Amino acid sequence: MMRGLCLAGFLALAACGGENPQLVQVIRPTDPDMNCMDLLQETSQNDLAIARLVDRDDQVHRRNVHFTVVDGIMFPPAMTTLDFRDQPNKEIHVLRARNDRLMDLADKKGC
């Protein structure tokens, strides 16, 4: 019974690990006003952000594996620092959707 409560407590604390995703709007009211240069610039900025987030996602994954395999066996409370929020992947998904939107606008404008 006590082990179950401890495990439940650890899992509850583990859910707090990780950063909250900072999601951009995929469709913005000012999108139709953007010119070809604006569309290209924002798409390029989003591509750079996606590249950084892919690296961040790899770091989070490696850290979670380390805490699970090494620290989780030697010091179980370390499991509370696992990142289950999947912040980088959520942000990558939204940025890719935004880029798709921008590319559609660029096609319609003949860029």
N, C-alpha and C. Protein backbone atom coordinates (compact mmCIF):
# COMPACT_ATOMS: atom_id res chain seq x y z
N MET A 1 0.83 -1.20 0.00
CA MET A 1 0.00 0.00 0.00
C MET A 1 0.88 1.26 0.00
N MET A 2 1.89 1.26 0.86
CA MET A 2 2.77 2.42 0.96
C MET A 2 3.57 2.62 -0.34
N ARG A 3 4.01 1.50 -0.92
CA ARG A 3 4.74 1.60 -2.18
C ARG A 3 3.87 2.22 -3.28
N GLY A 4 2.62 1.83 -3.30
CA GLY A 4 1.70 2.37 -4.29
C GLY A 4 1.52 3.87 -4.13
N LEU A 5 1.41 4.32 -2.89
CA LEU A 5 1.27 5.76 -2.64
C LEU A 5 2.53 6.51 -3.04
N CYS A 6 3.69 5.93 -2.73
CA CYS A 6 4.95 6.57 -3.12
C CYS A 6 5.06 6.66 -4.63
N LEU A 7 4.72 5.58 -5.30
CA LEU A 7 4.79 5.56 -6.76
C LEU A 7 3.83 6.59 -7.35
N ALA A 8 2.63 6.68 -6.81
CA ALA A 8 1.66 7.66 -7.28
C ALA A 8 2.17 9.08 -7.06
N GLY A 9 2.80 9.30 -5.92
CA GLY A 9 3.37 10.62 -5.63
C GLY A 9 4.48 10.97 -6.59
N PHE A 10 5.37 10.02 -6.88
CA PHE A 10 6.45 10.26 -7.82
C PHE A 10 5.91 10.56 -9.21
N LEU A 11 4.90 9.83 -9.64
CA LEU A 11 4.32 10.05 -10.97
C LEU A 11 3.63 11.41 -11.05
N ALA A 12 2.99 11.81 -9.96
CA ALA A 12 2.34 13.12 -9.94
C ALA A 12 3.37 14.23 -10.04
N LEU A 13 4.48 14.09 -9.34
CA LEU A 13 5.54 15.09 -9.43
C LEU A 13 6.20 15.07 -10.80
N ALA A 14 6.33 13.90 -11.38
CA ALA A 14 6.97 13.79 -12.69
C ALA A 14 6.17 14.52 -13.76
N ALA A 15 4.87 14.57 -13.59
CA ALA A 15 4.03 15.26 -14.57
C ALA A 15 4.32 16.76 -14.60
N CYS A 16 4.98 17.26 -13.57
CA CYS A 16 5.31 18.69 -13.52
C CYS A 16 6.59 19.01 -14.30
N GLY A 17 7.35 18.00 -14.68
CA GLY A 17 8.62 18.23 -15.36
C GLY A 17 8.42 18.74 -16.77
N GLY A 18 9.36 19.53 -17.23
CA GLY A 18 9.32 20.03 -18.60
C GLY A 18 8.76 21.43 -18.70
N GLU A 19 8.95 21.99 -19.87
CA GLU A 19 8.50 23.35 -20.14
C GLU A 19 7.14 23.34 -20.82
N ASN A 20 6.40 24.42 -20.63
CA ASN A 20 5.14 24.58 -21.34
C ASN A 20 5.43 25.01 -22.77
N PRO A 21 4.74 24.45 -23.75
CA PRO A 21 4.98 24.84 -25.14
C PRO A 21 4.55 26.29 -25.39
N GLN A 22 5.33 26.99 -26.20
CA GLN A 22 4.99 28.35 -26.63
C GLN A 22 4.51 28.23 -28.08
N LEU A 23 3.21 28.11 -28.24
CA LEU A 23 2.64 27.85 -29.56
C LEU A 23 2.30 29.15 -30.28
N VAL A 24 2.67 29.22 -31.55
CA VAL A 24 2.34 30.38 -32.39
C VAL A 24 0.99 30.15 -33.04
N GLN A 25 0.38 31.24 -33.50
CA GLN A 25 -0.87 31.13 -34.23
C GLN A 25 -0.56 30.67 -35.65
N VAL A 26 -1.27 29.67 -36.11
CA VAL A 26 -1.05 29.18 -37.47
C VAL A 26 -1.63 30.17 -38.48
N ILE A 27 -2.80 30.68 -38.20
CA ILE A 27 -3.46 31.65 -39.08
C ILE A 27 -3.60 32.96 -38.32
N ARG A 28 -3.10 34.02 -38.91
CA ARG A 28 -3.15 35.35 -38.29
C ARG A 28 -3.97 36.27 -39.18
N PRO A 29 -4.66 37.24 -38.58
CA PRO A 29 -5.48 38.16 -39.38
C PRO A 29 -4.66 39.00 -40.37
N THR A 30 -3.38 39.20 -40.09
CA THR A 30 -2.54 40.03 -40.95
C THR A 30 -1.88 39.23 -42.08
N ASP A 31 -2.12 37.94 -42.15
CA ASP A 31 -1.49 37.11 -43.18
C ASP A 31 -1.73 37.61 -44.61
N PRO A 32 -2.94 37.97 -44.99
CA PRO A 32 -3.16 38.41 -46.39
C PRO A 32 -2.39 39.68 -46.75
N ASP A 33 -1.98 40.46 -45.75
CA ASP A 33 -1.27 41.71 -46.00
C ASP A 33 0.23 41.50 -46.21
N MET A 34 0.71 40.30 -45.99
CA MET A 34 2.15 40.04 -46.10
C MET A 34 2.57 39.99 -47.57
N ASN A 35 3.74 40.57 -47.85
CA ASN A 35 4.27 40.49 -49.22
C ASN A 35 5.21 39.29 -49.31
N CYS A 36 5.75 39.06 -50.50
CA CYS A 36 6.60 37.89 -50.73
C CYS A 36 7.82 37.87 -49.82
N MET A 37 8.44 39.03 -49.61
CA MET A 37 9.63 39.11 -48.76
C MET A 37 9.27 38.78 -47.31
N ASP A 38 8.13 39.27 -46.83
CA ASP A 38 7.69 38.97 -45.46
C ASP A 38 7.45 37.46 -45.29
N LEU A 39 6.82 36.87 -46.29
CA LEU A 39 6.54 35.43 -46.23
C LEU A 39 7.83 34.62 -46.19
N LEU A 40 8.78 35.00 -47.03
CA LEU A 40 10.07 34.31 -47.06
C LEU A 40 10.82 34.48 -45.74
N GLN A 41 10.81 35.69 -45.22
CA GLN A 41 11.52 35.97 -43.97
C GLN A 41 10.94 35.16 -42.81
N GLU A 42 9.62 35.15 -42.68
CA GLU A 42 9.02 34.41 -41.57
C GLU A 42 9.22 32.90 -41.73
N THR A 43 9.12 32.41 -42.96
CA THR A 43 9.36 30.98 -43.20
C THR A 43 10.78 30.60 -42.81
N SER A 44 11.75 31.45 -43.14
CA SER A 44 13.15 31.19 -42.78
C SER A 44 13.34 31.20 -41.27
N GLN A 45 12.71 32.16 -40.60
CA GLN A 45 12.81 32.22 -39.14
C GLN A 45 12.20 30.97 -38.50
N ASN A 46 11.08 30.53 -39.05
CA ASN A 46 10.44 29.32 -38.52
C ASN A 46 11.31 28.09 -38.75
N ASP A 47 11.97 28.03 -39.91
CA ASP A 47 12.86 26.89 -40.18
C ASP A 47 14.02 26.84 -39.18
N LEU A 48 14.57 28.01 -38.85
CA LEU A 48 15.64 28.05 -37.84
C LEU A 48 15.13 27.61 -36.47
N ALA A 49 13.94 28.07 -36.12
CA ALA A 49 13.36 27.68 -34.83
C ALA A 49 13.10 26.18 -34.79
N ILE A 50 12.65 25.61 -35.90
CA ILE A 50 12.41 24.16 -35.97
C ILE A 50 13.71 23.41 -35.78
N ALA A 51 14.78 23.87 -36.40
CA ALA A 51 16.09 23.20 -36.26
C ALA A 51 16.55 23.23 -34.79
N ARG A 52 16.37 24.36 -34.13
CA ARG A 52 16.74 24.45 -32.70
C ARG A 52 15.88 23.51 -31.86
N LEU A 53 14.59 23.44 -32.19
CA LEU A 53 13.68 22.59 -31.42
C LEU A 53 13.98 21.11 -31.63
N VAL A 54 14.41 20.72 -32.82
CA VAL A 54 14.78 19.33 -33.07
C VAL A 54 15.96 18.96 -32.17
N ASP A 55 16.94 19.86 -32.07
CA ASP A 55 18.08 19.64 -31.18
C ASP A 55 17.62 19.56 -29.73
N ARG A 56 16.73 20.46 -29.34
CA ARG A 56 16.20 20.46 -27.97
C ARG A 56 15.44 19.17 -27.68
N ASP A 57 14.68 18.68 -28.65
CA ASP A 57 13.94 17.43 -28.47
C ASP A 57 14.90 16.26 -28.25
N ASP A 58 16.00 16.24 -28.99
CA ASP A 58 17.01 15.19 -28.80
C ASP A 58 17.59 15.25 -27.39
N GLN A 59 17.87 16.47 -26.92
CA GLN A 59 18.42 16.64 -25.57
C GLN A 59 17.44 16.14 -24.51
N VAL A 60 16.18 16.50 -24.66
CA VAL A 60 15.15 16.08 -23.70
C VAL A 60 15.04 14.56 -23.69
N HIS A 61 15.04 13.97 -24.87
CA HIS A 61 14.93 12.51 -24.97
C HIS A 61 16.12 11.83 -24.28
N ARG A 62 17.34 12.32 -24.57
CA ARG A 62 18.53 11.72 -23.95
C ARG A 62 18.50 11.89 -22.43
N ARG A 63 18.05 13.05 -21.97
CA ARG A 63 17.97 13.30 -20.53
C ARG A 63 16.95 12.37 -19.87
N ASN A 64 15.81 12.19 -20.51
CA ASN A 64 14.79 11.28 -19.97
C ASN A 64 15.31 9.85 -19.89
N VAL A 65 16.02 9.41 -20.93
CA VAL A 65 16.58 8.06 -20.92
C VAL A 65 17.60 7.93 -19.80
N HIS A 66 18.45 8.94 -19.63
CA HIS A 66 19.45 8.90 -18.57
C HIS A 66 18.78 8.81 -17.19
N PHE A 67 17.80 9.68 -16.95
CA PHE A 67 17.14 9.66 -15.65
C PHE A 67 16.39 8.36 -15.40
N THR A 68 15.86 7.77 -16.45
CA THR A 68 15.13 6.51 -16.30
C THR A 68 16.07 5.35 -16.03
N VAL A 69 17.11 5.24 -16.83
CA VAL A 69 17.99 4.08 -16.75
C VAL A 69 18.98 4.18 -15.59
N VAL A 70 19.68 5.28 -15.50
CA VAL A 70 20.75 5.39 -14.50
C VAL A 70 20.22 5.88 -13.16
N ASP A 71 19.70 7.10 -13.16
CA ASP A 71 19.28 7.69 -11.89
C ASP A 71 18.03 7.04 -11.33
N GLY A 72 17.15 6.55 -12.19
CA GLY A 72 15.92 5.92 -11.71
C GLY A 72 16.18 4.66 -10.91
N ILE A 73 17.26 3.96 -11.24
CA ILE A 73 17.60 2.74 -10.51
C ILE A 73 18.36 3.08 -9.23
N MET A 74 19.31 4.00 -9.34
CA MET A 74 20.15 4.33 -8.19
C MET A 74 19.45 5.28 -7.22
N PHE A 75 18.63 6.20 -7.75
CA PHE A 75 17.97 7.20 -6.91
C PHE A 75 16.58 7.47 -7.49
N PRO A 76 15.60 6.65 -7.12
CA PRO A 76 14.26 6.75 -7.72
C PRO A 76 13.61 8.14 -7.71
N PRO A 77 13.86 9.00 -6.70
CA PRO A 77 13.23 10.34 -6.80
C PRO A 77 13.67 11.14 -8.01
N ALA A 78 14.77 10.75 -8.65
CA ALA A 78 15.20 11.45 -9.86
C ALA A 78 14.17 11.30 -10.98
N MET A 79 13.31 10.31 -10.90
CA MET A 79 12.27 10.09 -11.90
C MET A 79 11.30 11.27 -11.95
N THR A 80 11.25 12.07 -10.87
CA THR A 80 10.32 13.20 -10.86
C THR A 80 10.76 14.31 -11.81
N THR A 81 11.96 14.24 -12.33
CA THR A 81 12.44 15.28 -13.24
C THR A 81 12.23 14.92 -14.71
N LEU A 82 11.57 13.81 -14.98
CA LEU A 82 11.31 13.44 -16.37
C LEU A 82 10.42 14.47 -17.05
N ASP A 83 10.64 14.67 -18.33
CA ASP A 83 9.89 15.65 -19.11
C ASP A 83 8.86 14.91 -19.95
N PHE A 84 7.58 15.01 -19.55
CA PHE A 84 6.50 14.35 -20.28
C PHE A 84 5.67 15.33 -21.10
N ARG A 85 6.01 16.60 -21.08
CA ARG A 85 5.17 17.61 -21.76
C ARG A 85 5.38 17.64 -23.26
N ASP A 86 6.49 17.13 -23.74
CA ASP A 86 6.76 17.04 -25.18
C ASP A 86 6.72 18.42 -25.84
N GLN A 87 7.27 19.42 -25.13
CA GLN A 87 7.26 20.80 -25.58
C GLN A 87 7.88 20.99 -26.96
N PRO A 88 9.07 20.47 -27.23
CA PRO A 88 9.66 20.71 -28.56
C PRO A 88 8.81 20.17 -29.71
N ASN A 89 8.28 18.97 -29.56
CA ASN A 89 7.48 18.38 -30.65
C ASN A 89 6.21 19.16 -30.92
N LYS A 90 5.57 19.65 -29.87
CA LYS A 90 4.35 20.44 -30.05
C LYS A 90 4.66 21.73 -30.79
N GLU A 91 5.76 22.38 -30.40
CA GLU A 91 6.13 23.62 -31.07
C GLU A 91 6.55 23.38 -32.53
N ILE A 92 7.27 22.29 -32.77
CA ILE A 92 7.67 21.94 -34.14
C ILE A 92 6.44 21.74 -35.01
N HIS A 93 5.46 21.00 -34.50
CA HIS A 93 4.24 20.73 -35.26
C HIS A 93 3.53 22.03 -35.65
N VAL A 94 3.41 22.96 -34.70
CA VAL A 94 2.71 24.21 -34.98
C VAL A 94 3.51 25.08 -35.96
N LEU A 95 4.84 25.12 -35.80
CA LEU A 95 5.66 25.90 -36.72
C LEU A 95 5.60 25.34 -38.14
N ARG A 96 5.55 24.03 -38.28
CA ARG A 96 5.42 23.43 -39.61
C ARG A 96 4.07 23.76 -40.23
N ALA A 97 3.03 23.75 -39.40
CA ALA A 97 1.69 24.12 -39.90
C ALA A 97 1.69 25.59 -40.32
N ARG A 98 2.36 26.43 -39.56
CA ARG A 98 2.46 27.86 -39.91
C ARG A 98 3.21 28.02 -41.24
N ASN A 99 4.30 27.29 -41.41
CA ASN A 99 5.05 27.37 -42.66
C ASN A 99 4.21 26.89 -43.84
N ASP A 100 3.41 25.85 -43.64
CA ASP A 100 2.51 25.38 -44.70
C ASP A 100 1.54 26.49 -45.10
N ARG A 101 1.02 27.18 -44.09
CA ARG A 101 0.10 28.29 -44.35
C ARG A 101 0.80 29.39 -45.14
N LEU A 102 2.03 29.72 -44.72
CA LEU A 102 2.78 30.77 -45.41
C LEU A 102 3.10 30.38 -46.85
N MET A 103 3.43 29.12 -47.06
CA MET A 103 3.74 28.64 -48.42
C MET A 103 2.50 28.68 -49.31
N ASP A 104 1.33 28.35 -48.74
CA ASP A 104 0.08 28.47 -49.50
C ASP A 104 -0.18 29.92 -49.92
N LEU A 105 0.06 30.84 -48.97
CA LEU A 105 -0.11 32.25 -49.30
C LEU A 105 0.88 32.70 -50.38
N ALA A 106 2.11 32.22 -50.28
CA ALA A 106 3.13 32.57 -51.28
C ALA A 106 2.72 32.05 -52.66
N ASP A 107 2.19 30.84 -52.71
CA ASP A 107 1.72 30.28 -54.00
C ASP A 107 0.59 31.12 -54.58
N LYS A 108 -0.35 31.54 -53.73
CA LYS A 108 -1.47 32.33 -54.21
C LYS A 108 -1.03 33.71 -54.71
N LYS A 109 0.05 34.23 -54.11
CA LYS A 109 0.56 35.54 -54.52
C LYS A 109 1.53 35.44 -55.69
N GLY A 110 1.89 34.23 -56.06
CA GLY A 110 2.80 34.04 -57.18
C GLY A 110 4.26 34.31 -56.84
N CYS A 111 4.62 34.12 -55.58
CA CYS A 111 6.01 34.37 -55.14
C CYS A 111 6.95 33.28 -55.61
